[in-house]
Amino acid sequence: MVIKVKVQTHAKFERIEEVGLEEYKIWTTAIPEQGKANEAVIELLADYFNTSPSNIRILSGYKSTHKLIEIL
């Protein structure tokens, strides 16, 4: 499954909200430095979809707030 994600960093809380068909908005407290926000997004999605973080990879948008993510 491939989903579109909009990430909001520096949030006061961590949350995932489904905003459309296979589209999500994610709030994370992580900062977008040295891949920390991307790691947080992968961890949040793993918990949300009840899967291992190794089953999730960023296809595009590694340095962007808009990402395309594959979940195996």
N, C-alpha and C. Protein backbone atom coordinates (compact mmCIF):
# COMPACT_ATOMS: atom_id res chain seq x y z
N MET A 1 0.85 -1.17 0.00
CA MET A 1 0.00 0.00 0.00
C MET A 1 0.90 1.24 0.00
N VAL A 2 0.53 2.21 -0.82
CA VAL A 2 1.26 3.48 -0.88
C VAL A 2 0.32 4.59 -0.41
N ILE A 3 0.80 5.42 0.51
CA ILE A 3 -0.02 6.51 1.04
C ILE A 3 0.69 7.85 0.86
N LYS A 4 -0.10 8.91 0.85
CA LYS A 4 0.43 10.27 0.83
C LYS A 4 0.36 10.81 2.25
N VAL A 5 1.40 11.51 2.65
CA VAL A 5 1.49 12.02 4.02
C VAL A 5 1.92 13.48 4.01
N LYS A 6 1.27 14.28 4.83
CA LYS A 6 1.69 15.67 5.10
C LYS A 6 2.17 15.69 6.53
N VAL A 7 3.39 16.12 6.75
CA VAL A 7 4.01 16.09 8.08
C VAL A 7 4.12 17.50 8.65
N GLN A 8 3.72 17.64 9.91
CA GLN A 8 3.89 18.89 10.65
C GLN A 8 4.88 18.61 11.78
N THR A 9 6.07 19.20 11.70
CA THR A 9 7.08 18.99 12.74
C THR A 9 6.94 20.06 13.82
N HIS A 10 7.69 19.91 14.89
CA HIS A 10 7.67 20.84 16.03
C HIS A 10 6.28 20.93 16.67
N ALA A 11 5.48 19.89 16.56
CA ALA A 11 4.13 19.92 17.14
C ALA A 11 4.20 19.75 18.65
N LYS A 12 3.13 20.12 19.32
CA LYS A 12 3.05 19.95 20.77
C LYS A 12 2.68 18.52 21.14
N PHE A 13 2.15 17.77 20.18
CA PHE A 13 1.71 16.39 20.42
C PHE A 13 1.96 15.58 19.16
N GLU A 14 1.91 14.25 19.29
CA GLU A 14 2.06 13.36 18.15
C GLU A 14 0.71 12.76 17.83
N ARG A 15 0.34 12.82 16.54
CA ARG A 15 -1.00 12.39 16.15
C ARG A 15 -1.01 12.05 14.66
N ILE A 16 -1.89 11.13 14.28
CA ILE A 16 -2.13 10.81 12.87
C ILE A 16 -3.61 10.99 12.60
N GLU A 17 -3.92 11.65 11.50
CA GLU A 17 -5.31 11.87 11.12
C GLU A 17 -5.48 11.50 9.65
N GLU A 18 -6.48 10.66 9.36
CA GLU A 18 -6.77 10.31 7.97
C GLU A 18 -7.58 11.44 7.37
N VAL A 19 -7.10 12.03 6.28
CA VAL A 19 -7.77 13.18 5.68
C VAL A 19 -8.40 12.85 4.33
N GLY A 20 -8.18 11.67 3.84
CA GLY A 20 -8.74 11.25 2.56
C GLY A 20 -8.39 9.80 2.32
N LEU A 21 -8.74 9.32 1.13
CA LEU A 21 -8.43 7.95 0.78
C LEU A 21 -6.92 7.80 0.63
N GLU A 22 -6.31 7.07 1.53
CA GLU A 22 -4.86 6.85 1.56
C GLU A 22 -4.08 8.15 1.66
N GLU A 23 -4.65 9.14 2.35
CA GLU A 23 -3.97 10.41 2.63
C GLU A 23 -4.05 10.68 4.13
N TYR A 24 -2.91 11.05 4.71
CA TYR A 24 -2.83 11.25 6.15
C TYR A 24 -2.08 12.53 6.47
N LYS A 25 -2.42 13.10 7.63
CA LYS A 25 -1.66 14.22 8.18
C LYS A 25 -1.06 13.72 9.49
N ILE A 26 0.22 13.99 9.66
CA ILE A 26 0.94 13.51 10.85
C ILE A 26 1.57 14.70 11.55
N TRP A 27 1.33 14.78 12.85
CA TRP A 27 1.98 15.78 13.70
C TRP A 27 3.02 15.04 14.53
N THR A 28 4.24 15.57 14.57
CA THR A 28 5.29 14.96 15.38
C THR A 28 6.05 16.05 16.14
N THR A 29 6.51 15.70 17.31
CA THR A 29 7.29 16.63 18.13
C THR A 29 8.74 16.69 17.68
N ALA A 30 9.13 15.78 16.79
CA ALA A 30 10.52 15.71 16.33
C ALA A 30 10.89 16.92 15.48
N ILE A 31 12.18 17.19 15.44
CA ILE A 31 12.69 18.29 14.62
C ILE A 31 13.18 17.73 13.28
N PRO A 32 13.07 18.50 12.22
CA PRO A 32 13.48 17.99 10.90
C PRO A 32 14.98 18.14 10.65
N GLU A 33 15.77 17.53 11.50
CA GLU A 33 17.23 17.58 11.36
C GLU A 33 17.78 16.16 11.45
N GLN A 34 18.70 15.84 10.56
CA GLN A 34 19.39 14.55 10.55
C GLN A 34 18.42 13.37 10.48
N GLY A 35 17.28 13.54 9.81
CA GLY A 35 16.33 12.46 9.63
C GLY A 35 15.49 12.11 10.84
N LYS A 36 15.55 12.92 11.89
CA LYS A 36 14.81 12.61 13.12
C LYS A 36 13.30 12.63 12.90
N ALA A 37 12.81 13.59 12.13
CA ALA A 37 11.37 13.67 11.87
C ALA A 37 10.93 12.48 11.02
N ASN A 38 11.73 12.08 10.05
CA ASN A 38 11.39 10.93 9.22
C ASN A 38 11.33 9.65 10.06
N GLU A 39 12.27 9.49 10.97
CA GLU A 39 12.25 8.34 11.87
C GLU A 39 11.00 8.34 12.73
N ALA A 40 10.62 9.51 13.23
CA ALA A 40 9.42 9.62 14.05
C ALA A 40 8.17 9.28 13.24
N VAL A 41 8.12 9.74 12.00
CA VAL A 41 6.98 9.44 11.12
C VAL A 41 6.87 7.94 10.89
N ILE A 42 7.99 7.28 10.64
CA ILE A 42 7.98 5.84 10.42
C ILE A 42 7.50 5.11 11.68
N GLU A 43 7.97 5.53 12.85
CA GLU A 43 7.54 4.91 14.11
C GLU A 43 6.04 5.11 14.34
N LEU A 44 5.54 6.32 14.10
CA LEU A 44 4.11 6.60 14.29
C LEU A 44 3.26 5.77 13.34
N LEU A 45 3.68 5.68 12.08
CA LEU A 45 2.93 4.88 11.11
C LEU A 45 2.97 3.39 11.46
N ALA A 46 4.09 2.91 11.96
CA ALA A 46 4.20 1.51 12.36
C ALA A 46 3.21 1.20 13.47
N ASP A 47 3.10 2.09 14.45
CA ASP A 47 2.12 1.91 15.53
C ASP A 47 0.69 1.99 14.99
N TYR A 48 0.43 2.95 14.12
CA TYR A 48 -0.91 3.18 13.58
C TYR A 48 -1.40 1.99 12.76
N PHE A 49 -0.51 1.43 11.93
CA PHE A 49 -0.89 0.31 11.07
C PHE A 49 -0.52 -1.04 11.67
N ASN A 50 -0.06 -1.04 12.91
CA ASN A 50 0.26 -2.26 13.64
C ASN A 50 1.23 -3.16 12.85
N THR A 51 2.34 -2.58 12.45
CA THR A 51 3.36 -3.30 11.69
C THR A 51 4.74 -2.89 12.19
N SER A 52 5.74 -3.54 11.68
CA SER A 52 7.11 -3.23 12.06
C SER A 52 7.62 -2.01 11.28
N PRO A 53 8.44 -1.18 11.91
CA PRO A 53 9.01 -0.04 11.18
C PRO A 53 9.83 -0.46 9.95
N SER A 54 10.35 -1.67 9.95
CA SER A 54 11.12 -2.14 8.79
C SER A 54 10.23 -2.39 7.57
N ASN A 55 8.91 -2.44 7.77
CA ASN A 55 7.97 -2.62 6.67
C ASN A 55 7.52 -1.30 6.07
N ILE A 56 8.09 -0.20 6.52
CA ILE A 56 7.69 1.13 6.05
C ILE A 56 8.91 1.82 5.45
N ARG A 57 8.72 2.40 4.26
CA ARG A 57 9.83 3.16 3.67
C ARG A 57 9.30 4.38 2.94
N ILE A 58 10.10 5.41 2.94
CA ILE A 58 9.75 6.66 2.28
C ILE A 58 10.18 6.55 0.82
N LEU A 59 9.20 6.66 -0.09
CA LEU A 59 9.49 6.57 -1.52
C LEU A 59 9.96 7.91 -2.07
N SER A 60 9.32 8.99 -1.63
CA SER A 60 9.72 10.33 -2.08
C SER A 60 9.38 11.33 -1.00
N GLY A 61 10.05 12.47 -1.04
CA GLY A 61 9.80 13.53 -0.07
C GLY A 61 10.62 13.41 1.19
N TYR A 62 11.80 12.80 1.08
CA TYR A 62 12.63 12.61 2.28
C TYR A 62 12.95 13.93 2.98
N LYS A 63 13.10 15.01 2.20
CA LYS A 63 13.40 16.32 2.79
C LYS A 63 12.24 17.29 2.64
N SER A 64 11.04 16.76 2.49
CA SER A 64 9.85 17.59 2.28
C SER A 64 8.79 17.25 3.32
N THR A 65 7.83 18.15 3.50
CA THR A 65 6.71 17.85 4.41
C THR A 65 5.67 16.98 3.73
N HIS A 66 5.70 16.90 2.40
CA HIS A 66 4.80 16.02 1.65
C HIS A 66 5.58 14.78 1.24
N LYS A 67 5.11 13.63 1.68
CA LYS A 67 5.85 12.39 1.45
C LYS A 67 4.95 11.33 0.81
N LEU A 68 5.57 10.45 0.06
CA LEU A 68 4.92 9.27 -0.47
C LEU A 68 5.56 8.10 0.25
N ILE A 69 4.75 7.31 0.95
CA ILE A 69 5.28 6.27 1.82
C ILE A 69 4.67 4.93 1.45
N GLU A 70 5.53 3.91 1.39
CA GLU A 70 5.07 2.55 1.11
C GLU A 70 5.03 1.76 2.41
N ILE A 71 3.90 1.06 2.60
CA ILE A 71 3.74 0.19 3.76
C ILE A 71 3.54 -1.23 3.24
N LEU A 72 4.45 -2.12 3.61
CA LEU A 72 4.38 -3.51 3.12
C LEU A 72 3.46 -4.34 3.97
